[in-house]
Amino acid sequence: MVSKDIPDLIILDILLPKMDGHKVCETLKKDPKYSKIPIIMLTAKDREEDIILAKNIGADAYISKPFDAPLLLYHIKNLVK
């Protein structure tokens, strides 16, 4: 989907059916065409190792579910300028 219409921001879950969100994030951040797109990981996984991995592969923010809508909006506003 990203290759058809490059978004201003991606909200990505870790738990995906074909490829986990960490791999998707890492793949996008390694590609110069997509590396500048901010990625917010929004997921039910709240283990410290998941958060650290997401940050290490380039996620710009990490929010655990259940989440606070104002927190999500805060990150969106700060990442899309």
Protein backbone atom coordinates (compact mmCIF):
# COMPACT_ATOMS: atom_id res chain seq x y z
CA MET A 1 0.00 0.00 0.00
CA VAL A 2 2.83 2.39 0.84
CA SER A 3 4.31 2.12 -2.64
CA LYS A 4 1.03 3.20 -4.28
CA ASP A 5 0.42 6.30 -2.18
CA ILE A 6 3.18 7.46 0.17
CA PRO A 7 1.54 8.48 3.46
CA ASP A 8 2.50 11.32 5.78
CA LEU A 9 2.51 8.92 8.74
CA ILE A 10 2.05 5.20 9.42
CA ILE A 11 0.29 3.73 12.44
CA LEU A 12 1.47 0.14 12.66
CA ASP A 13 0.58 -2.82 14.86
CA ILE A 14 3.15 -5.49 15.71
CA LEU A 15 0.65 -8.33 15.40
CA LEU A 16 0.02 -8.65 11.67
CA PRO A 17 -1.05 -11.75 9.73
CA LYS A 18 1.80 -12.16 7.22
CA MET A 19 4.74 -10.18 8.59
CA ASP A 20 5.11 -8.77 12.06
CA GLY A 21 5.08 -5.01 12.48
CA HIS A 22 8.70 -4.92 13.62
CA LYS A 23 9.78 -6.37 10.26
CA VAL A 24 7.52 -3.95 8.35
CA CYS A 25 8.95 -0.99 10.27
CA GLU A 26 12.53 -2.15 9.76
CA THR A 27 11.98 -2.72 6.04
CA LEU A 28 10.46 0.73 5.55
CA LYS A 29 13.12 2.52 7.59
CA LYS A 30 15.93 0.85 5.60
CA ASP A 31 14.47 1.98 2.27
CA PRO A 32 15.52 5.56 1.37
CA LYS A 33 12.19 6.10 -0.40
CA TYR A 34 10.23 5.47 2.81
CA SER A 35 12.73 6.08 5.62
CA LYS A 36 11.48 9.58 6.41
CA ILE A 37 7.87 8.48 6.98
CA PRO A 38 7.14 8.66 10.72
CA ILE A 39 5.94 5.36 12.18
CA ILE A 40 3.87 5.03 15.34
CA MET A 41 3.72 1.51 16.72
CA LEU A 42 0.25 1.07 18.24
CA THR A 43 -0.02 -2.40 19.72
CA ALA A 44 -1.23 -4.61 22.54
CA LYS A 45 2.35 -5.73 23.14
CA ASP A 46 3.73 -3.76 26.04
CA ARG A 47 6.82 -5.76 26.95
CA GLU A 48 9.96 -3.72 27.42
CA GLU A 49 11.84 -5.77 24.81
CA ASP A 50 9.18 -4.99 22.17
CA ILE A 51 9.43 -1.27 22.91
CA ILE A 52 13.24 -1.31 22.75
CA LEU A 53 13.23 -3.32 19.52
CA ALA A 54 10.74 -0.93 17.92
CA LYS A 55 12.86 2.09 18.85
CA ASN A 56 16.06 0.37 17.65
CA ILE A 57 14.59 -0.35 14.22
CA GLY A 58 13.36 3.20 13.77
CA ALA A 59 9.84 3.54 15.18
CA ASP A 60 9.22 7.18 16.01
CA ALA A 61 6.73 6.46 18.81
CA TYR A 62 5.35 3.45 20.65
CA ILE A 63 1.90 3.35 22.21
CA SER A 64 0.43 0.34 24.01
CA LYS A 65 -3.23 -0.66 23.83
CA PRO A 66 -5.54 0.20 25.37
CA PHE A 67 -4.41 3.68 24.48
CA ASP A 68 -5.35 7.23 25.30
CA ALA A 69 -6.60 9.11 22.21
CA PRO A 70 -5.05 12.44 23.29
CA LEU A 71 -1.66 10.69 23.53
CA LEU A 72 -2.02 9.33 20.00
CA LEU A 73 -3.05 12.77 18.71
CA TYR A 74 -0.08 14.33 20.51
CA HIS A 75 2.34 12.00 18.69
CA ILE A 76 0.62 12.51 15.34
CA LYS A 77 0.79 16.30 15.66
CA ASN A 78 4.45 16.20 16.64
CA LEU A 79 5.46 13.80 13.89
CA VAL A 80 3.50 15.39 11.02
CA LYS A 81 4.73 18.94 10.69
